[in-house]
Amino acid sequence: MTVLHINSSARLSNSNTRIIGQYLVGALGEPTISRDLAQYPLPPINAEDLVDFHSSSDSDRASLQAHFNLSETLIDELKNADTLVLAAPMYNFGIPATLKHWIDSVCRAGVSFKYTERGPVGLLGTKRAFIITASGGTPVGSEMNFVSRYLEHICKFIGISDVFHIDASGSKGTPEQVISQGKRQVDVLMSAFSAKESTGVA
């Protein structure tokens, strides 16, 4: 199994999502592909390329082809991963712009999802996703939380059916307490997975 670990917090040190995400990746114990969207954001896309990109234009314009090539790389990272770890802080009740850019790059009709008579169907083979949400004082799961619910929807949209949430909200106490509680959530999930494997339950 392979893990794709996506970081998006602008806080490069002492970040709840980064610390808990790294703990989770360590607990999974699998080869990991890491992409840090805060340190290495995806290149911006202009209006013309954006329209052509999502209409699957056959233009040979160099700038458009560069975005298609990058998109293929990002989608291949997802296809080659069994597990996706999304570490996402909440900024103004939503996800970081860099993470939205990544989502826009991997959500492509006919590539990562397709439209059917029953609605969109995901095409990626990633088996499960872990969403780590740090929301400051906004309760995770509340009506003001547009991070974890949105990211779960995106995961299922591209074909990831099993989605697990880890709450790294700062409202849960001091930074040390939040990290400790986040790690405990990881431990509980890992214990549950181990129990399923030992009993042969899918």
N, C-alpha and C. Protein backbone atom coordinates (compact mmCIF):
# COMPACT_ATOMS: atom_id res chain seq x y z
N MET A 1 0.84 -1.19 0.00
CA MET A 1 0.00 0.00 0.00
C MET A 1 0.88 1.25 0.00
N THR A 2 0.36 2.33 -0.58
CA THR A 2 1.07 3.59 -0.66
C THR A 2 0.17 4.70 -0.14
N VAL A 3 0.77 5.67 0.53
CA VAL A 3 0.04 6.80 1.11
C VAL A 3 0.40 8.06 0.34
N LEU A 4 -0.60 8.86 -0.02
CA LEU A 4 -0.39 10.20 -0.57
C LEU A 4 -0.73 11.19 0.52
N HIS A 5 0.27 11.95 0.96
CA HIS A 5 0.11 12.88 2.08
C HIS A 5 0.15 14.31 1.55
N ILE A 6 -0.97 15.03 1.69
CA ILE A 6 -1.09 16.40 1.21
C ILE A 6 -1.11 17.36 2.38
N ASN A 7 -0.13 18.25 2.45
CA ASN A 7 -0.12 19.32 3.46
C ASN A 7 -0.51 20.64 2.81
N SER A 8 -1.25 21.47 3.55
CA SER A 8 -1.65 22.76 2.98
C SER A 8 -1.57 23.91 3.98
N SER A 9 -1.13 23.64 5.20
CA SER A 9 -1.06 24.70 6.21
C SER A 9 0.09 25.65 5.93
N ALA A 10 -0.21 26.95 6.00
CA ALA A 10 0.84 27.97 5.83
C ALA A 10 1.76 28.01 7.03
N ARG A 11 1.33 27.43 8.12
CA ARG A 11 2.17 27.35 9.32
C ARG A 11 3.10 26.15 9.15
N LEU A 12 4.37 26.44 8.85
CA LEU A 12 5.31 25.36 8.53
C LEU A 12 5.83 24.65 9.77
N SER A 13 5.72 25.29 10.92
CA SER A 13 6.11 24.65 12.18
C SER A 13 4.98 24.85 13.19
N ASN A 14 4.89 23.94 14.13
CA ASN A 14 3.85 23.99 15.17
C ASN A 14 2.44 24.01 14.58
N SER A 15 2.27 23.31 13.48
CA SER A 15 0.96 23.20 12.85
C SER A 15 0.26 21.94 13.34
N ASN A 16 -0.96 22.09 13.83
CA ASN A 16 -1.71 20.92 14.29
C ASN A 16 -1.87 19.88 13.19
N THR A 17 -2.27 20.34 11.99
CA THR A 17 -2.52 19.38 10.91
C THR A 17 -1.24 18.71 10.45
N ARG A 18 -0.14 19.45 10.44
CA ARG A 18 1.13 18.85 10.02
C ARG A 18 1.62 17.81 11.03
N ILE A 19 1.55 18.16 12.29
CA ILE A 19 2.05 17.25 13.34
C ILE A 19 1.20 15.98 13.40
N ILE A 20 -0.12 16.15 13.44
CA ILE A 20 -1.00 14.98 13.51
C ILE A 20 -0.95 14.17 12.22
N GLY A 21 -0.84 14.87 11.09
CA GLY A 21 -0.74 14.17 9.81
C GLY A 21 0.51 13.31 9.73
N GLN A 22 1.63 13.85 10.21
CA GLN A 22 2.87 13.08 10.19
C GLN A 22 2.77 11.88 11.14
N TYR A 23 2.10 12.07 12.27
CA TYR A 23 1.90 10.96 13.21
C TYR A 23 1.06 9.86 12.55
N LEU A 24 0.02 10.27 11.82
CA LEU A 24 -0.83 9.31 11.13
C LEU A 24 -0.04 8.55 10.06
N VAL A 25 0.74 9.28 9.27
CA VAL A 25 1.53 8.63 8.23
C VAL A 25 2.50 7.61 8.84
N GLY A 26 3.09 8.00 9.98
CA GLY A 26 3.99 7.07 10.67
C GLY A 26 3.25 5.84 11.16
N ALA A 27 2.03 6.03 11.65
CA ALA A 27 1.25 4.90 12.16
C ALA A 27 0.82 3.98 11.02
N LEU A 28 0.56 4.53 9.85
CA LEU A 28 0.19 3.70 8.70
C LEU A 28 1.37 2.84 8.26
N GLY A 29 2.58 3.38 8.39
CA GLY A 29 3.78 2.59 8.13
C GLY A 29 3.95 2.14 6.70
N GLU A 30 3.44 2.91 5.76
CA GLU A 30 3.52 2.54 4.35
C GLU A 30 4.36 3.55 3.57
N PRO A 31 4.90 3.15 2.41
CA PRO A 31 5.62 4.13 1.57
C PRO A 31 4.74 5.34 1.30
N THR A 32 5.34 6.52 1.36
CA THR A 32 4.55 7.74 1.31
C THR A 32 5.04 8.69 0.22
N ILE A 33 4.08 9.22 -0.53
CA ILE A 33 4.34 10.33 -1.45
C ILE A 33 3.85 11.59 -0.76
N SER A 34 4.72 12.57 -0.60
CA SER A 34 4.35 13.79 0.10
C SER A 34 4.31 14.97 -0.86
N ARG A 35 3.26 15.79 -0.71
CA ARG A 35 3.16 17.01 -1.51
C ARG A 35 2.76 18.15 -0.58
N ASP A 36 3.62 19.16 -0.49
CA ASP A 36 3.39 20.29 0.39
C ASP A 36 2.95 21.48 -0.45
N LEU A 37 1.66 21.77 -0.42
CA LEU A 37 1.10 22.82 -1.25
C LEU A 37 1.38 24.22 -0.73
N ALA A 38 1.76 24.32 0.54
CA ALA A 38 2.11 25.63 1.10
C ALA A 38 3.52 26.03 0.70
N GLN A 39 4.45 25.09 0.81
CA GLN A 39 5.84 25.38 0.45
C GLN A 39 6.04 25.36 -1.06
N TYR A 40 5.30 24.50 -1.74
CA TYR A 40 5.46 24.36 -3.19
C TYR A 40 4.09 24.43 -3.86
N PRO A 41 3.48 25.62 -3.90
CA PRO A 41 2.15 25.75 -4.50
C PRO A 41 2.18 25.45 -5.99
N LEU A 42 1.05 24.99 -6.49
CA LEU A 42 0.94 24.74 -7.92
C LEU A 42 0.99 26.07 -8.67
N PRO A 43 1.50 26.07 -9.90
CA PRO A 43 1.60 27.31 -10.65
C PRO A 43 0.22 27.88 -10.97
N PRO A 44 0.07 29.20 -10.97
CA PRO A 44 -1.23 29.81 -11.27
C PRO A 44 -1.65 29.51 -12.70
N ILE A 45 -2.95 29.59 -12.93
CA ILE A 45 -3.49 29.33 -14.26
C ILE A 45 -4.29 30.56 -14.70
N ASN A 46 -4.08 30.99 -15.95
CA ASN A 46 -4.80 32.17 -16.42
C ASN A 46 -6.21 31.80 -16.88
N ALA A 47 -7.02 32.82 -17.19
CA ALA A 47 -8.43 32.60 -17.50
C ALA A 47 -8.62 31.71 -18.72
N GLU A 48 -7.85 31.97 -19.78
CA GLU A 48 -7.99 31.20 -21.01
C GLU A 48 -7.67 29.73 -20.79
N ASP A 49 -6.56 29.48 -20.09
CA ASP A 49 -6.18 28.09 -19.82
C ASP A 49 -7.17 27.40 -18.90
N LEU A 50 -7.72 28.16 -17.93
CA LEU A 50 -8.67 27.57 -16.99
C LEU A 50 -9.91 27.06 -17.71
N VAL A 51 -10.44 27.88 -18.62
CA VAL A 51 -11.63 27.47 -19.38
C VAL A 51 -11.32 26.26 -20.25
N ASP A 52 -10.20 26.31 -20.96
CA ASP A 52 -9.84 25.21 -21.85
C ASP A 52 -9.49 23.93 -21.08
N PHE A 53 -8.91 24.10 -19.90
CA PHE A 53 -8.52 22.94 -19.08
C PHE A 53 -9.75 22.13 -18.69
N HIS A 54 -10.79 22.81 -18.25
CA HIS A 54 -11.98 22.08 -17.78
C HIS A 54 -12.95 21.74 -18.91
N SER A 55 -12.65 22.19 -20.11
CA SER A 55 -13.43 21.74 -21.27
C SER A 55 -12.66 20.70 -22.07
N SER A 56 -11.50 20.27 -21.53
CA SER A 56 -10.65 19.27 -22.19
C SER A 56 -10.32 19.68 -23.62
N SER A 57 -9.94 20.93 -23.76
CA SER A 57 -9.59 21.45 -25.08
C SER A 57 -8.41 20.69 -25.67
N ASP A 58 -8.39 20.59 -27.01
CA ASP A 58 -7.28 19.93 -27.69
C ASP A 58 -6.25 20.94 -28.19
N SER A 59 -6.32 22.14 -27.64
CA SER A 59 -5.35 23.16 -28.03
C SER A 59 -3.94 22.72 -27.67
N ASP A 60 -2.98 23.06 -28.53
CA ASP A 60 -1.59 22.70 -28.25
C ASP A 60 -0.83 23.87 -27.63
N ARG A 61 -1.54 24.86 -27.11
CA ARG A 61 -0.92 26.00 -26.45
C ARG A 61 -0.01 25.51 -25.32
N ALA A 62 1.21 25.99 -25.30
CA ALA A 62 2.22 25.47 -24.37
C ALA A 62 1.79 25.61 -22.92
N SER A 63 1.21 26.75 -22.57
CA SER A 63 0.81 26.96 -21.17
C SER A 63 -0.29 25.99 -20.77
N LEU A 64 -1.23 25.73 -21.67
CA LEU A 64 -2.31 24.79 -21.37
C LEU A 64 -1.77 23.38 -21.25
N GLN A 65 -0.89 22.99 -22.14
CA GLN A 65 -0.32 21.64 -22.08
C GLN A 65 0.46 21.42 -20.79
N ALA A 66 1.10 22.49 -20.30
CA ALA A 66 1.84 22.38 -19.03
C ALA A 66 0.88 22.06 -17.89
N HIS A 67 -0.31 22.67 -17.89
CA HIS A 67 -1.29 22.40 -16.84
C HIS A 67 -1.86 20.98 -16.98
N PHE A 68 -2.09 20.54 -18.21
CA PHE A 68 -2.55 19.17 -18.42
C PHE A 68 -1.51 18.16 -17.92
N ASN A 69 -0.24 18.42 -18.20
CA ASN A 69 0.83 17.51 -17.79
C ASN A 69 0.92 17.44 -16.27
N LEU A 70 0.82 18.61 -15.62
CA LEU A 70 0.85 18.63 -14.16
C LEU A 70 -0.35 17.89 -13.60
N SER A 71 -1.51 18.10 -14.19
CA SER A 71 -2.72 17.42 -13.74
C SER A 71 -2.56 15.90 -13.83
N GLU A 72 -1.99 15.42 -14.91
CA GLU A 72 -1.76 13.99 -15.06
C GLU A 72 -0.86 13.45 -13.97
N THR A 73 0.17 14.23 -13.63
CA THR A 73 1.08 13.82 -12.55
C THR A 73 0.33 13.72 -11.22
N LEU A 74 -0.49 14.73 -10.91
CA LEU A 74 -1.23 14.74 -9.65
C LEU A 74 -2.25 13.61 -9.59
N ILE A 75 -2.92 13.36 -10.70
CA ILE A 75 -3.90 12.27 -10.74
C ILE A 75 -3.21 10.92 -10.63
N ASP A 76 -2.06 10.77 -11.26
CA ASP A 76 -1.30 9.52 -11.14
C ASP A 76 -0.89 9.27 -9.69
N GLU A 77 -0.54 10.34 -8.96
CA GLU A 77 -0.20 10.18 -7.55
C GLU A 77 -1.38 9.61 -6.78
N LEU A 78 -2.58 10.07 -7.10
CA LEU A 78 -3.78 9.54 -6.45
C LEU A 78 -4.06 8.10 -6.87
N LYS A 79 -3.93 7.82 -8.16
CA LYS A 79 -4.19 6.47 -8.66
C LYS A 79 -3.24 5.45 -8.04
N ASN A 80 -2.01 5.88 -7.79
CA ASN A 80 -1.00 4.96 -7.26
C ASN A 80 -1.04 4.85 -5.74
N ALA A 81 -1.95 5.59 -5.11
CA ALA A 81 -2.04 5.57 -3.65
C ALA A 81 -3.28 4.79 -3.21
N ASP A 82 -3.12 3.98 -2.18
CA ASP A 82 -4.25 3.29 -1.58
C ASP A 82 -4.94 4.18 -0.54
N THR A 83 -4.14 5.09 0.05
CA THR A 83 -4.64 5.95 1.13
C THR A 83 -4.27 7.39 0.86
N LEU A 84 -5.22 8.29 1.05
CA LEU A 84 -5.00 9.73 0.93
C LEU A 84 -5.10 10.36 2.31
N VAL A 85 -4.09 11.15 2.68
CA VAL A 85 -4.12 11.91 3.93
C VAL A 85 -4.16 13.39 3.56
N LEU A 86 -5.28 14.05 3.88
CA LEU A 86 -5.46 15.46 3.60
C LEU A 86 -5.38 16.25 4.90
N ALA A 87 -4.36 17.06 5.05
CA ALA A 87 -4.19 17.89 6.24
C ALA A 87 -4.60 19.31 5.87
N ALA A 88 -5.71 19.78 6.45
CA ALA A 88 -6.31 21.03 5.98
C ALA A 88 -6.71 21.95 7.13
N PRO A 89 -6.06 23.10 7.26
CA PRO A 89 -6.53 24.10 8.21
C PRO A 89 -7.71 24.86 7.62
N MET A 90 -8.50 25.46 8.48
CA MET A 90 -9.62 26.28 8.03
C MET A 90 -9.18 27.74 7.98
N TYR A 91 -9.33 28.34 6.81
CA TYR A 91 -9.06 29.77 6.64
C TYR A 91 -10.36 30.44 6.21
N ASN A 92 -10.88 31.34 7.05
CA ASN A 92 -12.13 32.04 6.73
C ASN A 92 -13.24 31.05 6.38
N PHE A 93 -13.33 30.00 7.18
CA PHE A 93 -14.36 28.97 7.10
C PHE A 93 -14.21 28.02 5.93
N GLY A 94 -13.14 28.15 5.14
CA GLY A 94 -12.94 27.27 4.00
C GLY A 94 -11.53 26.72 3.95
N ILE A 95 -11.20 26.04 2.86
CA ILE A 95 -9.88 25.44 2.72
C ILE A 95 -8.89 26.46 2.16
N PRO A 96 -7.59 26.24 2.34
CA PRO A 96 -6.60 27.13 1.74
C PRO A 96 -6.71 27.15 0.21
N ALA A 97 -6.40 28.30 -0.38
CA ALA A 97 -6.48 28.44 -1.83
C ALA A 97 -5.59 27.44 -2.54
N THR A 98 -4.43 27.12 -1.94
CA THR A 98 -3.52 26.18 -2.57
C THR A 98 -4.14 24.78 -2.66
N LEU A 99 -4.91 24.40 -1.66
CA LEU A 99 -5.57 23.09 -1.68
C LEU A 99 -6.71 23.09 -2.70
N LYS A 100 -7.43 24.21 -2.82
CA LYS A 100 -8.49 24.31 -3.83
C LYS A 100 -7.89 24.18 -5.23
N HIS A 101 -6.72 24.74 -5.44
CA HIS A 101 -6.05 24.64 -6.74
C HIS A 101 -5.72 23.19 -7.05
N TRP A 102 -5.26 22.45 -6.05
CA TRP A 102 -4.96 21.02 -6.22
C TRP A 102 -6.24 20.25 -6.58
N ILE A 103 -7.34 20.55 -5.89
CA ILE A 103 -8.61 19.89 -6.17
C ILE A 103 -9.05 20.17 -7.60
N ASP A 104 -8.94 21.43 -8.02
CA ASP A 104 -9.33 21.78 -9.38
C ASP A 104 -8.46 21.08 -10.42
N SER A 105 -7.24 20.73 -10.04
CA SER A 105 -6.32 20.06 -10.97
C SER A 105 -6.59 18.57 -11.08
N VAL A 106 -7.15 17.96 -10.03
CA VAL A 106 -7.37 16.51 -10.06
C VAL A 106 -8.80 16.13 -10.40
N CYS A 107 -9.73 17.07 -10.32
CA CYS A 107 -11.12 16.78 -10.67
C CYS A 107 -11.34 17.08 -12.15
N ARG A 108 -11.24 16.05 -12.96
CA ARG A 108 -11.38 16.21 -14.41
C ARG A 108 -12.35 15.17 -14.97
N ALA A 109 -13.36 15.67 -15.64
CA ALA A 109 -14.38 14.78 -16.23
C ALA A 109 -13.73 13.83 -17.22
N GLY A 110 -14.08 12.56 -17.11
CA GLY A 110 -13.53 11.54 -17.99
C GLY A 110 -12.19 11.00 -17.56
N VAL A 111 -11.61 11.62 -16.52
CA VAL A 111 -10.29 11.18 -16.04
C VAL A 111 -10.39 10.70 -14.60
N SER A 112 -10.85 11.57 -13.71
CA SER A 112 -11.01 11.17 -12.30
C SER A 112 -12.47 10.94 -11.93
N PHE A 113 -13.38 11.35 -12.78
CA PHE A 113 -14.80 11.05 -12.58
C PHE A 113 -15.50 11.11 -13.93
N LYS A 114 -16.70 10.55 -13.99
CA LYS A 114 -17.48 10.61 -15.22
C LYS A 114 -18.94 10.84 -14.86
N TYR A 115 -19.68 11.43 -15.79
CA TYR A 115 -21.10 11.65 -15.59
C TYR A 115 -21.88 10.46 -16.15
N THR A 116 -22.87 10.01 -15.40
CA THR A 116 -23.74 8.91 -15.83
C THR A 116 -25.19 9.32 -15.62
N GLU A 117 -26.11 8.45 -16.02
CA GLU A 117 -27.54 8.73 -15.83
C GLU A 117 -27.89 8.81 -14.35
N ARG A 118 -27.07 8.18 -13.49
CA ARG A 118 -27.32 8.20 -12.05
C ARG A 118 -26.50 9.26 -11.34
N GLY A 119 -25.82 10.10 -12.12
CA GLY A 119 -25.00 11.14 -11.52
C GLY A 119 -23.52 10.84 -11.71
N PRO A 120 -22.63 11.68 -11.15
CA PRO A 120 -21.20 11.48 -11.32
C PRO A 120 -20.70 10.23 -10.60
N VAL A 121 -19.72 9.57 -11.21
CA VAL A 121 -19.11 8.37 -10.64
C VAL A 121 -17.60 8.57 -10.63
N GLY A 122 -16.97 8.33 -9.48
CA GLY A 122 -15.53 8.48 -9.36
C GLY A 122 -14.80 7.36 -10.07
N LEU A 123 -13.63 7.68 -10.61
CA LEU A 123 -12.86 6.72 -11.40
C LEU A 123 -11.53 6.33 -10.76
N LEU A 124 -11.19 6.93 -9.62
CA LEU A 124 -9.88 6.64 -9.02
C LEU A 124 -9.97 5.42 -8.11
N GLY A 125 -8.84 4.74 -7.95
CA GLY A 125 -8.83 3.51 -7.18
C GLY A 125 -8.37 3.69 -5.74
N THR A 126 -8.21 4.92 -5.30
CA THR A 126 -7.79 5.16 -3.91
C THR A 126 -8.85 4.60 -2.97
N LYS A 127 -8.42 3.81 -1.98
CA LYS A 127 -9.38 3.08 -1.17
C LYS A 127 -9.97 3.90 -0.02
N ARG A 128 -9.14 4.74 0.60
CA ARG A 128 -9.63 5.45 1.78
C ARG A 128 -8.93 6.79 1.91
N ALA A 129 -9.56 7.69 2.67
CA ALA A 129 -8.98 9.01 2.89
C ALA A 129 -9.13 9.39 4.35
N PHE A 130 -8.12 10.07 4.87
CA PHE A 130 -8.17 10.64 6.20
C PHE A 130 -8.12 12.16 6.05
N ILE A 131 -9.09 12.85 6.64
CA ILE A 131 -9.15 14.30 6.58
C ILE A 131 -8.87 14.85 7.97
N ILE A 132 -7.78 15.61 8.09
CA ILE A 132 -7.40 16.21 9.36
C ILE A 132 -7.74 17.70 9.27
N THR A 133 -8.68 18.14 10.09
CA THR A 133 -9.16 19.51 10.02
C THR A 133 -8.79 20.28 11.27
N ALA A 134 -8.11 21.41 11.09
CA ALA A 134 -7.83 22.35 12.18
C ALA A 134 -8.64 23.61 11.91
N SER A 135 -9.51 23.97 12.86
CA SER A 135 -10.48 25.02 12.57
C SER A 135 -10.45 26.19 13.56
N GLY A 136 -9.42 26.25 14.40
CA GLY A 136 -9.41 27.33 15.38
C GLY A 136 -10.59 27.19 16.32
N GLY A 137 -11.41 28.22 16.41
CA GLY A 137 -12.55 28.18 17.33
C GLY A 137 -13.84 27.71 16.70
N THR A 138 -13.81 27.35 15.42
CA THR A 138 -15.03 26.87 14.75
C THR A 138 -15.17 25.38 14.98
N PRO A 139 -16.23 24.92 15.60
CA PRO A 139 -16.37 23.49 15.87
C PRO A 139 -16.41 22.66 14.58
N VAL A 140 -15.59 21.63 14.52
CA VAL A 140 -15.64 20.72 13.38
C VAL A 140 -16.98 19.98 13.40
N GLY A 141 -17.66 19.97 12.27
CA GLY A 141 -18.98 19.34 12.20
C GLY A 141 -20.12 20.32 12.33
N SER A 142 -19.80 21.58 12.65
CA SER A 142 -20.85 22.59 12.78
C SER A 142 -21.25 23.13 11.42
N GLU A 143 -22.30 23.94 11.38
CA GLU A 143 -22.76 24.51 10.12
C GLU A 143 -21.74 25.49 9.53
N MET A 144 -20.84 25.99 10.36
CA MET A 144 -19.83 26.93 9.89
C MET A 144 -18.59 26.23 9.34
N ASN A 145 -18.56 24.91 9.43
CA ASN A 145 -17.40 24.16 8.96
C ASN A 145 -17.59 23.78 7.50
N PHE A 146 -16.90 24.49 6.61
CA PHE A 146 -16.98 24.20 5.18
C PHE A 146 -15.71 23.51 4.69
N VAL A 147 -14.96 22.91 5.61
CA VAL A 147 -13.71 22.25 5.26
C VAL A 147 -13.90 20.74 5.20
N SER A 148 -14.17 20.12 6.33
CA SER A 148 -14.20 18.66 6.38
C SER A 148 -15.33 18.09 5.53
N ARG A 149 -16.51 18.72 5.56
CA ARG A 149 -17.63 18.20 4.75
C ARG A 149 -17.34 18.35 3.26
N TYR A 150 -16.77 19.49 2.90
CA TYR A 150 -16.44 19.71 1.48
C TYR A 150 -15.40 18.70 1.01
N LEU A 151 -14.34 18.49 1.80
CA LEU A 151 -13.29 17.57 1.40
C LEU A 151 -13.80 16.14 1.32
N GLU A 152 -14.71 15.77 2.22
CA GLU A 152 -15.31 14.43 2.13
C GLU A 152 -16.11 14.29 0.84
N HIS A 153 -16.85 15.33 0.49
CA HIS A 153 -17.63 15.30 -0.75
C HIS A 153 -16.71 15.13 -1.96
N ILE A 154 -15.59 15.87 -1.99
CA ILE A 154 -14.65 15.76 -3.10
C ILE A 154 -14.07 14.36 -3.18
N CYS A 155 -13.71 13.79 -2.02
CA CYS A 155 -13.15 12.43 -2.00
C CYS A 155 -14.13 11.44 -2.61
N LYS A 156 -15.38 11.51 -2.20
CA LYS A 156 -16.38 10.58 -2.72
C LYS A 156 -16.68 10.86 -4.19
N PHE A 157 -16.59 12.12 -4.57
CA PHE A 157 -16.84 12.52 -5.96
C PHE A 157 -15.87 11.85 -6.91
N ILE A 158 -14.60 11.67 -6.48
CA ILE A 158 -13.60 11.05 -7.35
C ILE A 158 -13.42 9.55 -7.06
N GLY A 159 -14.28 9.00 -6.19
CA GLY A 159 -14.31 7.55 -6.04
C GLY A 159 -13.71 6.99 -4.77
N ILE A 160 -13.45 7.82 -3.76
CA ILE A 160 -12.93 7.33 -2.48
C ILE A 160 -14.11 7.18 -1.53
N SER A 161 -14.51 5.96 -1.27
CA SER A 161 -15.75 5.74 -0.51
C SER A 161 -15.55 5.79 1.00
N ASP A 162 -14.39 5.36 1.48
CA ASP A 162 -14.15 5.32 2.93
C ASP A 162 -13.39 6.56 3.36
N VAL A 163 -14.06 7.43 4.12
CA VAL A 163 -13.48 8.70 4.55
C VAL A 163 -13.55 8.78 6.07
N PHE A 164 -12.41 9.10 6.69
CA PHE A 164 -12.33 9.20 8.14
C PHE A 164 -11.86 10.60 8.53
N HIS A 165 -12.44 11.12 9.60
CA HIS A 165 -12.12 12.49 10.03
C HIS A 165 -11.34 12.49 11.33
N ILE A 166 -10.38 13.39 11.40
CA ILE A 166 -9.61 13.62 12.62
C ILE A 166 -9.73 15.10 12.95
N ASP A 167 -10.21 15.38 14.15
CA ASP A 167 -10.47 16.75 14.59
C ASP A 167 -9.22 17.31 15.26
N ALA A 168 -8.63 18.33 14.62
CA ALA A 168 -7.45 19.00 15.19
C ALA A 168 -7.79 20.44 15.56
N SER A 169 -9.04 20.65 15.96
CA SER A 169 -9.53 22.00 16.24
C SER A 169 -8.86 22.60 17.46
N GLY A 170 -8.45 23.86 17.34
CA GLY A 170 -7.84 24.57 18.46
C GLY A 170 -8.78 24.85 19.60
N SER A 171 -10.10 24.71 19.36
CA SER A 171 -11.08 24.96 20.41
C SER A 171 -11.08 23.87 21.47
N LYS A 172 -10.33 22.80 21.22
CA LYS A 172 -10.33 21.67 22.14
C LYS A 172 -9.34 21.83 23.30
N GLY A 173 -8.63 22.95 23.35
CA GLY A 173 -7.70 23.17 24.45
C GLY A 173 -6.40 23.79 24.00
N THR A 174 -5.35 23.60 24.79
CA THR A 174 -4.05 24.12 24.45
C THR A 174 -3.49 23.37 23.24
N PRO A 175 -2.48 23.93 22.56
CA PRO A 175 -1.89 23.21 21.43
C PRO A 175 -1.46 21.80 21.80
N GLU A 176 -0.88 21.65 22.98
CA GLU A 176 -0.43 20.34 23.43
C GLU A 176 -1.62 19.38 23.59
N GLN A 177 -2.72 19.89 24.13
CA GLN A 177 -3.90 19.06 24.30
C GLN A 177 -4.52 18.66 22.96
N VAL A 178 -4.53 19.62 22.03
CA VAL A 178 -5.09 19.33 20.70
C VAL A 178 -4.28 18.25 20.00
N ILE A 179 -2.96 18.38 20.06
CA ILE A 179 -2.08 17.37 19.43
C ILE A 179 -2.30 16.01 20.08
N SER A 180 -2.36 15.99 21.40
CA SER A 180 -2.54 14.73 22.12
C SER A 180 -3.87 14.09 21.76
N GLN A 181 -4.93 14.89 21.71
CA GLN A 181 -6.24 14.35 21.36
C GLN A 181 -6.28 13.86 19.91
N GLY A 182 -5.60 14.60 19.03
CA GLY A 182 -5.54 14.17 17.64
C GLY A 182 -4.83 12.85 17.49
N LYS A 183 -3.73 12.68 18.20
CA LYS A 183 -2.99 11.43 18.15
C LYS A 183 -3.81 10.27 18.70
N ARG A 184 -4.61 10.56 19.73
CA ARG A 184 -5.47 9.51 20.29
C ARG A 184 -6.52 9.08 19.26
N GLN A 185 -7.04 10.04 18.50
CA GLN A 185 -7.99 9.68 17.44
C GLN A 185 -7.33 8.77 16.41
N VAL A 186 -6.07 9.07 16.07
CA VAL A 186 -5.33 8.22 15.15
C VAL A 186 -5.16 6.82 15.73
N ASP A 187 -4.79 6.75 16.99
CA ASP A 187 -4.58 5.45 17.65
C ASP A 187 -5.86 4.61 17.63
N VAL A 188 -6.99 5.26 17.89
CA VAL A 188 -8.28 4.55 17.89
C VAL A 188 -8.58 4.00 16.50
N LEU A 189 -8.35 4.80 15.48
CA LEU A 189 -8.59 4.35 14.10
C LEU A 189 -7.67 3.19 13.75
N MET A 190 -6.40 3.29 14.10
CA MET A 190 -5.45 2.23 13.77
C MET A 190 -5.82 0.93 14.50
N SER A 191 -6.28 1.05 15.74
CA SER A 191 -6.70 -0.15 16.48
C SER A 191 -7.90 -0.80 15.83
N ALA A 192 -8.83 0.04 15.35
CA ALA A 192 -10.02 -0.50 14.69
C ALA A 192 -9.64 -1.22 13.40
N PHE A 193 -8.71 -0.64 12.63
CA PHE A 193 -8.27 -1.29 11.40
C PHE A 193 -7.58 -2.61 11.69
N SER A 194 -6.75 -2.63 12.73
CA SER A 194 -6.05 -3.86 13.11
C SER A 194 -7.02 -4.95 13.52
N ALA A 195 -8.07 -4.55 14.25
CA ALA A 195 -9.06 -5.53 14.69
C ALA A 195 -9.81 -6.11 13.49
N LYS A 196 -10.13 -5.28 12.51
CA LYS A 196 -10.82 -5.77 11.31
C LYS A 196 -9.95 -6.74 10.54
N GLU A 197 -8.65 -6.39 10.44
CA GLU A 197 -7.74 -7.26 9.70
C GLU A 197 -7.57 -8.61 10.39
N SER A 198 -7.52 -8.59 11.71
CA SER A 198 -7.30 -9.84 12.44
C SER A 198 -8.51 -10.76 12.38
N THR A 199 -9.71 -10.18 12.21
CA THR A 199 -10.92 -10.99 12.14
C THR A 199 -11.32 -11.27 10.69
N GLY A 200 -10.59 -10.67 9.75
CA GLY A 200 -10.89 -10.89 8.34
C GLY A 200 -12.09 -10.13 7.84
N VAL A 201 -12.53 -9.13 8.59
CA VAL A 201 -13.67 -8.31 8.17
C VAL A 201 -13.21 -7.28 7.20
N ALA A 202 -13.91 -7.16 6.07
CA ALA A 202 -13.51 -6.19 5.04
C ALA A 202 -13.84 -4.78 5.48
